[in-house]
Amino acid sequence: MSLRTGTPVETTGLLVSVRDASEALAALEGGADVIDIKEPRRGALGSAPEVWEAVVARVSGLRPISAALGELLQWRSTPLPRIPQGIAWGKFGLAGAGRGDWQELWQQKIAEVPQHVRPVLVAYADWHRAAAPHWQEVASFAQAHVGVLLIDTWGKDGTSLWDYLGGDELAQLASCCRRQKCLLAVGGSLTLETIPLALRCRCHWIAVRGAACEGDRTGAVSAARIARLKECVSSYGAPSNL
């Protein structure tokens, strides 16, 4: 599966968020297409720079790696931590930025991101709970200026993407992203039962954490659970040929 703009995407990929190197190995064993690093106890985009190097040492070259960089506002007055080689994508959220100059801050902070890292903008479907900009505003900006978008939920309290976003809305978003050559990942407490609803929209990645864990999203990632998720995702065809 190719994940670069301008080359064919053969199947929708499975992105699994892990908290450390041991979970990264379980994700590899289960068949994850992208290993994403975040600490779930720190929120929707909990950054975990203390484990970046260890995860890269274990899986770099075997799978692409992304990392949660946290909420954009937390870095307003603080430099970003060093992002090691081997991390291909860095995700920023916009919690608390609904009434601010977030576009200007975005441009300032991505200037600190090293060239080997492609920034990913995160739109929260439950934007009102996160005091974030409306997800449609964020999606439009990502399509025009970023090229990679994750639609997710900020609140991790038992609600899911489908509590805030309808299937038709997601399908329209995915179609617009394809037209704009913008890669789209879809997350938000998706489960084995609800992932097919997102797959019908023909996105580029399905992003999971809780569905891959024993217990809730703070539990340990399970290779067996990931294998079942991978089987579900792989049953659908290509989202597009970007």
C-alpha atoms as a PDB file:
ATOM      1  CA  MET A   1       0.000   0.000   0.000  1.00  0.00           C
ATOM      2  CA  SER A   2       1.377   3.365  -1.031  1.00  0.00           C
ATOM      3  CA  LEU A   3       0.706   6.284   1.302  1.00  0.00           C
ATOM      4  CA  ARG A   4       2.198   9.188  -0.619  1.00  0.00           C
ATOM      5  CA  THR A   5       0.217  11.770  -2.525  1.00  0.00           C
ATOM      6  CA  GLY A   6       0.471  11.188  -6.252  1.00  0.00           C
ATOM      7  CA  THR A   7       0.683   7.395  -6.097  1.00  0.00           C
ATOM      8  CA  PRO A   8      -2.098   4.799  -6.061  1.00  0.00           C
ATOM      9  CA  VAL A   9      -3.701   3.766  -2.796  1.00  0.00           C
ATOM     10  CA  GLU A  10      -4.540   0.100  -3.175  1.00  0.00           C
ATOM     11  CA  THR A  11      -6.544  -0.386   0.034  1.00  0.00           C
ATOM     12  CA  THR A  12      -7.749   1.597   2.995  1.00  0.00           C
ATOM     13  CA  GLY A  13      -5.102   1.301   5.705  1.00  0.00           C
ATOM     14  CA  LEU A  14      -5.383   0.621   9.420  1.00  0.00           C
ATOM     15  CA  LEU A  15      -3.675   3.094  11.745  1.00  0.00           C
ATOM     16  CA  VAL A  16      -3.226   1.883  15.322  1.00  0.00           C
ATOM     17  CA  SER A  17      -2.219   4.213  18.151  1.00  0.00           C
ATOM     18  CA  VAL A  18       0.316   2.779  20.599  1.00  0.00           C
ATOM     19  CA  ARG A  19       1.798   4.146  23.796  1.00  0.00           C
ATOM     20  CA  ASP A  20       5.237   2.466  23.731  1.00  0.00           C
ATOM     21  CA  ALA A  21       7.580   0.134  21.861  1.00  0.00           C
ATOM     22  CA  SER A  22       6.023  -3.070  23.192  1.00  0.00           C
ATOM     23  CA  GLU A  23       2.593  -2.006  21.965  1.00  0.00           C
ATOM     24  CA  ALA A  24       4.166  -1.058  18.633  1.00  0.00           C
ATOM     25  CA  LEU A  25       5.406  -4.624  18.246  1.00  0.00           C
ATOM     26  CA  ALA A  26       1.907  -5.941  19.005  1.00  0.00           C
ATOM     27  CA  ALA A  27       0.513  -3.598  16.355  1.00  0.00           C
ATOM     28  CA  LEU A  28       3.049  -4.914  13.865  1.00  0.00           C
ATOM     29  CA  GLU A  29       2.120  -8.489  14.709  1.00  0.00           C
ATOM     30  CA  GLY A  30      -1.563  -7.725  14.248  1.00  0.00           C
ATOM     31  CA  GLY A  31      -1.011  -6.201  10.813  1.00  0.00           C
ATOM     32  CA  ALA A  32      -1.354  -2.434  11.390  1.00  0.00           C
ATOM     33  CA  ASP A  33      -0.409  -0.397   8.329  1.00  0.00           C
ATOM     34  CA  VAL A  34       0.632   2.710  10.278  1.00  0.00           C
ATOM     35  CA  ILE A  35       2.003   2.841  13.828  1.00  0.00           C
ATOM     36  CA  ASP A  36       0.836   5.989  15.597  1.00  0.00           C
ATOM     37  CA  ILE A  37       2.372   7.089  18.892  1.00  0.00           C
ATOM     38  CA  LYS A  38       0.290   8.748  21.586  1.00  0.00           C
ATOM     39  CA  GLU A  39      -0.406   8.499  25.301  1.00  0.00           C
ATOM     40  CA  PRO A  40      -4.173   7.952  25.757  1.00  0.00           C
ATOM     41  CA  ARG A  41      -4.141   9.160  29.367  1.00  0.00           C
ATOM     42  CA  ARG A  42      -3.172  12.616  28.078  1.00  0.00           C
ATOM     43  CA  GLY A  43      -6.265  13.129  25.970  1.00  0.00           C
ATOM     44  CA  ALA A  44      -7.321  12.696  22.377  1.00  0.00           C
ATOM     45  CA  LEU A  45      -3.908  13.732  21.060  1.00  0.00           C
ATOM     46  CA  GLY A  46      -1.719  13.047  24.059  1.00  0.00           C
ATOM     47  CA  SER A  47       1.871  13.573  22.966  1.00  0.00           C
ATOM     48  CA  ALA A  48       4.466  11.061  24.216  1.00  0.00           C
ATOM     49  CA  PRO A  49       7.889  12.362  23.129  1.00  0.00           C
ATOM     50  CA  GLU A  50       9.585  10.273  25.812  1.00  0.00           C
ATOM     51  CA  VAL A  51       8.907   7.087  23.804  1.00  0.00           C
ATOM     52  CA  TRP A  52       9.420   8.344  20.250  1.00  0.00           C
ATOM     53  CA  GLU A  53      13.001   7.153  19.950  1.00  0.00           C
ATOM     54  CA  ALA A  54      12.215   3.698  21.356  1.00  0.00           C
ATOM     55  CA  VAL A  55       9.308   3.143  18.973  1.00  0.00           C
ATOM     56  CA  VAL A  56      11.330   4.338  15.995  1.00  0.00           C
ATOM     57  CA  ALA A  57      14.161   1.976  16.962  1.00  0.00           C
ATOM     58  CA  ARG A  58      11.742  -0.972  16.960  1.00  0.00           C
ATOM     59  CA  VAL A  59       9.584  -0.355  13.893  1.00  0.00           C
ATOM     60  CA  SER A  60      11.214   2.239  11.608  1.00  0.00           C
ATOM     61  CA  GLY A  61      11.484   0.789   8.133  1.00  0.00           C
ATOM     62  CA  LEU A  62       8.857  -1.846   8.871  1.00  0.00           C
ATOM     63  CA  ARG A  63       5.839   0.469   8.941  1.00  0.00           C
ATOM     64  CA  PRO A  64       5.270   4.220   8.568  1.00  0.00           C
ATOM     65  CA  ILE A  65       5.127   6.008  11.928  1.00  0.00           C
ATOM     66  CA  SER A  66       3.016   8.967  12.975  1.00  0.00           C
ATOM     67  CA  ALA A  67       2.992  10.807  16.281  1.00  0.00           C
ATOM     68  CA  ALA A  68       0.453  12.891  18.157  1.00  0.00           C
ATOM     69  CA  LEU A  69       1.970  16.319  18.800  1.00  0.00           C
ATOM     70  CA  GLY A  70      -0.854  17.453  21.058  1.00  0.00           C
ATOM     71  CA  GLU A  71      -3.082  20.502  20.779  1.00  0.00           C
ATOM     72  CA  LEU A  72      -1.699  23.423  18.819  1.00  0.00           C
ATOM     73  CA  LEU A  73      -2.385  25.939  21.591  1.00  0.00           C
ATOM     74  CA  GLN A  74      -0.172  24.115  24.082  1.00  0.00           C
ATOM     75  CA  TRP A  75       2.823  25.059  21.942  1.00  0.00           C
ATOM     76  CA  ARG A  76       1.945  28.740  21.519  1.00  0.00           C
ATOM     77  CA  SER A  77       4.837  29.844  23.733  1.00  0.00           C
ATOM     78  CA  THR A  78       6.845  26.619  23.856  1.00  0.00           C
ATOM     79  CA  PRO A  79       9.118  25.088  21.201  1.00  0.00           C
ATOM     80  CA  LEU A  80       8.169  21.673  19.868  1.00  0.00           C
ATOM     81  CA  PRO A  81      10.265  18.753  21.129  1.00  0.00           C
ATOM     82  CA  ARG A  82      12.756  17.276  18.699  1.00  0.00           C
ATOM     83  CA  ILE A  83      11.024  14.826  16.374  1.00  0.00           C
ATOM     84  CA  PRO A  84      13.381  11.984  15.408  1.00  0.00           C
ATOM     85  CA  GLN A  85      14.009  10.650  11.940  1.00  0.00           C
ATOM     86  CA  GLY A  86      11.635   7.789  11.256  1.00  0.00           C
ATOM     87  CA  ILE A  87       8.481   9.676  12.209  1.00  0.00           C
ATOM     88  CA  ALA A  88       6.687  10.504   8.990  1.00  0.00           C
ATOM     89  CA  TRP A  89       3.627  12.404  10.218  1.00  0.00           C
ATOM     90  CA  GLY A  90       2.888  14.726  13.139  1.00  0.00           C
ATOM     91  CA  LYS A  91      -0.711  15.405  14.232  1.00  0.00           C
ATOM     92  CA  PHE A  92      -1.943  18.682  15.713  1.00  0.00           C
ATOM     93  CA  GLY A  93      -5.374  19.255  17.270  1.00  0.00           C
ATOM     94  CA  LEU A  94      -7.203  22.530  17.733  1.00  0.00           C
ATOM     95  CA  ALA A  95      -8.907  22.195  21.125  1.00  0.00           C
ATOM     96  CA  GLY A  96      -9.438  25.629  22.649  1.00  0.00           C
ATOM     97  CA  ALA A  97      -8.679  27.414  19.374  1.00  0.00           C
ATOM     98  CA  GLY A  98     -12.236  28.051  18.236  1.00  0.00           C
ATOM     99  CA  ARG A  99     -12.118  31.790  18.808  1.00  0.00           C
ATOM    100  CA  GLY A 100      -8.451  32.392  18.117  1.00  0.00           C
ATOM    101  CA  ASP A 101      -6.050  33.019  15.260  1.00  0.00           C
ATOM    102  CA  TRP A 102      -5.330  29.350  14.842  1.00  0.00           C
ATOM    103  CA  GLN A 103      -4.434  29.562  11.134  1.00  0.00           C
ATOM    104  CA  GLU A 104      -1.627  32.001  11.903  1.00  0.00           C
ATOM    105  CA  LEU A 105      -0.388  29.885  14.809  1.00  0.00           C
ATOM    106  CA  TRP A 106      -0.527  26.793  12.584  1.00  0.00           C
ATOM    107  CA  GLN A 107       1.778  28.437  10.057  1.00  0.00           C
ATOM    108  CA  GLN A 108       4.171  29.448  12.820  1.00  0.00           C
ATOM    109  CA  LYS A 109       4.375  26.015  14.419  1.00  0.00           C
ATOM    110  CA  ILE A 110       4.705  23.942  11.262  1.00  0.00           C
ATOM    111  CA  ALA A 111       7.778  26.022  10.489  1.00  0.00           C
ATOM    112  CA  GLU A 112       9.340  24.226  13.490  1.00  0.00           C
ATOM    113  CA  VAL A 113       8.446  20.785  12.157  1.00  0.00           C
ATOM    114  CA  PRO A 114      11.436  19.096  10.465  1.00  0.00           C
ATOM    115  CA  GLN A 115      11.224  18.378   6.753  1.00  0.00           C
ATOM    116  CA  HIS A 116      10.955  14.622   7.221  1.00  0.00           C
ATOM    117  CA  VAL A 117       7.649  15.086   9.121  1.00  0.00           C
ATOM    118  CA  ARG A 118       4.442  15.850   7.266  1.00  0.00           C
ATOM    119  CA  PRO A 119       1.961  17.821   9.409  1.00  0.00           C
ATOM    120  CA  VAL A 120      -1.537  16.421   9.899  1.00  0.00           C
ATOM    121  CA  LEU A 121      -4.418  18.672  10.920  1.00  0.00           C
ATOM    122  CA  VAL A 122      -7.070  17.169  13.188  1.00  0.00           C
ATOM    123  CA  ALA A 123     -10.713  18.216  12.965  1.00  0.00           C
ATOM    124  CA  TYR A 124     -12.892  17.310  15.942  1.00  0.00           C
ATOM    125  CA  ALA A 125     -16.402  16.142  15.104  1.00  0.00           C
ATOM    126  CA  ASP A 126     -17.406  17.219  18.633  1.00  0.00           C
ATOM    127  CA  TRP A 127     -15.792  20.606  18.052  1.00  0.00           C
ATOM    128  CA  HIS A 128     -18.208  22.417  20.371  1.00  0.00           C
ATOM    129  CA  ARG A 129     -17.108  20.287  23.347  1.00  0.00           C
ATOM    130  CA  ALA A 130     -13.450  20.930  22.561  1.00  0.00           C
ATOM    131  CA  ALA A 131     -13.934  24.687  22.063  1.00  0.00           C
ATOM    132  CA  ALA A 132     -12.331  24.045  18.688  1.00  0.00           C
ATOM    133  CA  PRO A 133     -13.146  25.485  15.269  1.00  0.00           C
ATOM    134  CA  HIS A 134     -16.032  23.787  13.459  1.00  0.00           C
ATOM    135  CA  TRP A 135     -14.838  20.605  11.800  1.00  0.00           C
ATOM    136  CA  GLN A 136     -15.916  21.881   8.380  1.00  0.00           C
ATOM    137  CA  GLU A 137     -13.732  24.968   8.773  1.00  0.00           C
ATOM    138  CA  VAL A 138     -10.767  22.821   9.718  1.00  0.00           C
ATOM    139  CA  ALA A 139     -11.409  20.376   6.883  1.00  0.00           C
ATOM    140  CA  SER A 140     -11.544  23.173   4.323  1.00  0.00           C
ATOM    141  CA  PHE A 141      -8.243  24.589   5.571  1.00  0.00           C
ATOM    142  CA  ALA A 142      -6.619  21.143   5.507  1.00  0.00           C
ATOM    143  CA  GLN A 143      -7.761  20.489   1.961  1.00  0.00           C
ATOM    144  CA  ALA A 144      -6.416  23.830   0.769  1.00  0.00           C
ATOM    145  CA  HIS A 145      -3.206  24.143   2.773  1.00  0.00           C
ATOM    146  CA  VAL A 146      -2.188  20.901   4.515  1.00  0.00           C
ATOM    147  CA  GLY A 147      -3.004  17.836   2.451  1.00  0.00           C
ATOM    148  CA  VAL A 148      -3.598  15.415   5.329  1.00  0.00           C
ATOM    149  CA  LEU A 149      -6.686  15.498   7.569  1.00  0.00           C
ATOM    150  CA  LEU A 150      -7.808  13.376  10.506  1.00  0.00           C
ATOM    151  CA  ILE A 151     -11.459  13.593  11.565  1.00  0.00           C
ATOM    152  CA  ASP A 152     -11.682  12.426  15.183  1.00  0.00           C
ATOM    153  CA  THR A 153     -13.471  13.034  18.471  1.00  0.00           C
ATOM    154  CA  TRP A 154     -12.013  15.054  21.317  1.00  0.00           C
ATOM    155  CA  GLY A 155     -14.084  13.573  24.112  1.00  0.00           C
ATOM    156  CA  LYS A 156     -13.215   9.981  24.990  1.00  0.00           C
ATOM    157  CA  ASP A 157     -16.206   9.283  27.186  1.00  0.00           C
ATOM    158  CA  GLY A 158     -18.119   6.541  25.420  1.00  0.00           C
ATOM    159  CA  THR A 159     -19.447   8.675  22.578  1.00  0.00           C
ATOM    160  CA  SER A 160     -18.176   8.103  19.057  1.00  0.00           C
ATOM    161  CA  LEU A 161     -17.793   9.836  15.732  1.00  0.00           C
ATOM    162  CA  TRP A 162     -21.320   8.773  14.759  1.00  0.00           C
ATOM    163  CA  ASP A 163     -22.830  10.704  17.676  1.00  0.00           C
ATOM    164  CA  TYR A 164     -21.720  13.934  15.983  1.00  0.00           C
ATOM    165  CA  LEU A 165     -21.319  13.221  12.285  1.00  0.00           C
ATOM    166  CA  GLY A 166     -23.704  11.501   9.883  1.00  0.00           C
ATOM    167  CA  GLY A 167     -22.693   9.022   7.231  1.00  0.00           C
ATOM    168  CA  ASP A 168     -23.732  11.385   4.436  1.00  0.00           C
ATOM    169  CA  GLU A 169     -21.613  14.177   5.913  1.00  0.00           C
ATOM    170  CA  LEU A 170     -18.587  11.911   6.135  1.00  0.00           C
ATOM    171  CA  ALA A 171     -19.122  10.675   2.582  1.00  0.00           C
ATOM    172  CA  GLN A 172     -19.246  14.263   1.334  1.00  0.00           C
ATOM    173  CA  LEU A 173     -16.078  15.089   3.263  1.00  0.00           C
ATOM    174  CA  ALA A 174     -14.263  12.069   1.852  1.00  0.00           C
ATOM    175  CA  SER A 175     -15.362  12.920  -1.683  1.00  0.00           C
ATOM    176  CA  CYS A 176     -14.144  16.504  -1.292  1.00  0.00           C
ATOM    177  CA  CYS A 177     -10.817  15.299   0.072  1.00  0.00           C
ATOM    178  CA  ARG A 178     -10.340  13.045  -2.932  1.00  0.00           C
ATOM    179  CA  ARG A 179     -11.046  15.926  -5.304  1.00  0.00           C
ATOM    180  CA  GLN A 180      -8.594  18.142  -3.434  1.00  0.00           C
ATOM    181  CA  LYS A 181      -5.890  15.434  -3.260  1.00  0.00           C
ATOM    182  CA  CYS A 182      -6.087  15.518   0.529  1.00  0.00           C
ATOM    183  CA  LEU A 183      -5.453  12.283   2.444  1.00  0.00           C
ATOM    184  CA  LEU A 184      -8.175  11.494   4.983  1.00  0.00           C
ATOM    185  CA  ALA A 185      -7.979   9.432   8.165  1.00  0.00           C
ATOM    186  CA  VAL A 186     -11.168   8.674  10.117  1.00  0.00           C
ATOM    187  CA  GLY A 187     -11.233   7.917  13.842  1.00  0.00           C
ATOM    188  CA  GLY A 188     -13.344   8.639  16.888  1.00  0.00           C
ATOM    189  CA  SER A 189     -13.978   5.598  19.081  1.00  0.00           C
ATOM    190  CA  LEU A 190     -14.718   3.388  16.098  1.00  0.00           C
ATOM    191  CA  THR A 191     -15.411  -0.283  16.746  1.00  0.00           C
ATOM    192  CA  LEU A 192     -15.377  -3.473  14.731  1.00  0.00           C
ATOM    193  CA  GLU A 193     -19.122  -2.983  14.242  1.00  0.00           C
ATOM    194  CA  THR A 194     -18.998   0.679  13.181  1.00  0.00           C
ATOM    195  CA  ILE A 195     -15.803   0.712  11.090  1.00  0.00           C
ATOM    196  CA  PRO A 196     -17.704  -0.466   7.972  1.00  0.00           C
ATOM    197  CA  LEU A 197     -19.751   2.755   8.081  1.00  0.00           C
ATOM    198  CA  ALA A 198     -16.526   4.712   7.667  1.00  0.00           C
ATOM    199  CA  LEU A 199     -15.124   2.324   5.073  1.00  0.00           C
ATOM    200  CA  ARG A 200     -18.118   2.967   2.836  1.00  0.00           C
ATOM    201  CA  CYS A 201     -16.948   6.561   2.599  1.00  0.00           C
ATOM    202  CA  ARG A 202     -13.676   5.351   1.057  1.00  0.00           C
ATOM    203  CA  CYS A 203     -11.206   7.101   3.327  1.00  0.00           C
ATOM    204  CA  HIS A 204      -7.464   6.451   3.280  1.00  0.00           C
ATOM    205  CA  TRP A 205      -6.976   5.266   6.841  1.00  0.00           C
ATOM    206  CA  ILE A 206      -9.125   3.999   9.679  1.00  0.00           C
ATOM    207  CA  ALA A 207      -7.599   5.200  12.969  1.00  0.00           C
ATOM    208  CA  VAL A 208      -8.173   3.225  16.172  1.00  0.00           C
ATOM    209  CA  ARG A 209      -6.990   2.962  19.754  1.00  0.00           C
ATOM    210  CA  GLY A 210      -9.761   1.668  22.004  1.00  0.00           C
ATOM    211  CA  ALA A 211     -10.930  -0.987  19.532  1.00  0.00           C
ATOM    212  CA  ALA A 212      -7.391  -2.396  19.498  1.00  0.00           C
ATOM    213  CA  CYS A 213      -7.089  -2.641  23.297  1.00  0.00           C
ATOM    214  CA  GLU A 214      -7.992  -5.131  25.973  1.00  0.00           C
ATOM    215  CA  GLY A 215     -10.522  -3.248  28.065  1.00  0.00           C
ATOM    216  CA  ASP A 216     -10.828   0.477  27.383  1.00  0.00           C
ATOM    217  CA  ARG A 217      -8.489   2.737  25.404  1.00  0.00           C
ATOM    218  CA  THR A 218      -6.028   2.897  28.297  1.00  0.00           C
ATOM    219  CA  GLY A 219      -5.598  -0.886  28.254  1.00  0.00           C
ATOM    220  CA  ALA A 220      -2.907  -2.796  26.396  1.00  0.00           C
ATOM    221  CA  VAL A 221      -2.986  -3.089  22.621  1.00  0.00           C
ATOM    222  CA  SER A 222      -3.846  -6.632  21.498  1.00  0.00           C
ATOM    223  CA  ALA A 223      -2.344  -8.191  18.364  1.00  0.00           C
ATOM    224  CA  ALA A 224      -5.377 -10.469  18.065  1.00  0.00           C
ATOM    225  CA  ARG A 225      -7.799  -7.559  18.186  1.00  0.00           C
ATOM    226  CA  ILE A 226      -5.765  -5.673  15.600  1.00  0.00           C
ATOM    227  CA  ALA A 227      -5.777  -8.714  13.329  1.00  0.00           C
ATOM    228  CA  ARG A 228      -9.592  -8.752  13.419  1.00  0.00           C
ATOM    229  CA  LEU A 229      -9.716  -5.034  12.683  1.00  0.00           C
ATOM    230  CA  LYS A 230      -7.259  -5.450   9.844  1.00  0.00           C
ATOM    231  CA  GLU A 231      -9.386  -8.210   8.329  1.00  0.00           C
ATOM    232  CA  CYS A 232     -12.421  -5.922   8.474  1.00  0.00           C
ATOM    233  CA  VAL A 233     -10.582  -2.986   6.888  1.00  0.00           C
ATOM    234  CA  SER A 234      -8.952  -5.122   4.197  1.00  0.00           C
ATOM    235  CA  SER A 235     -12.332  -6.394   3.035  1.00  0.00           C
ATOM    236  CA  TYR A 236     -12.948  -3.018   1.354  1.00  0.00           C
ATOM    237  CA  GLY A 237     -11.269  -1.745  -1.812  1.00  0.00           C
ATOM    238  CA  ALA A 238      -9.290   1.306  -2.746  1.00  0.00           C
ATOM    239  CA  PRO A 239     -10.534   4.761  -1.689  1.00  0.00           C
ATOM    240  CA  SER A 240      -8.981   6.525  -4.693  1.00  0.00           C
ATOM    241  CA  ASN A 241      -5.904   6.857  -6.804  1.00  0.00           C
ATOM    242  CA  LEU A 242      -4.294  10.009  -5.477  1.00  0.00           C
END
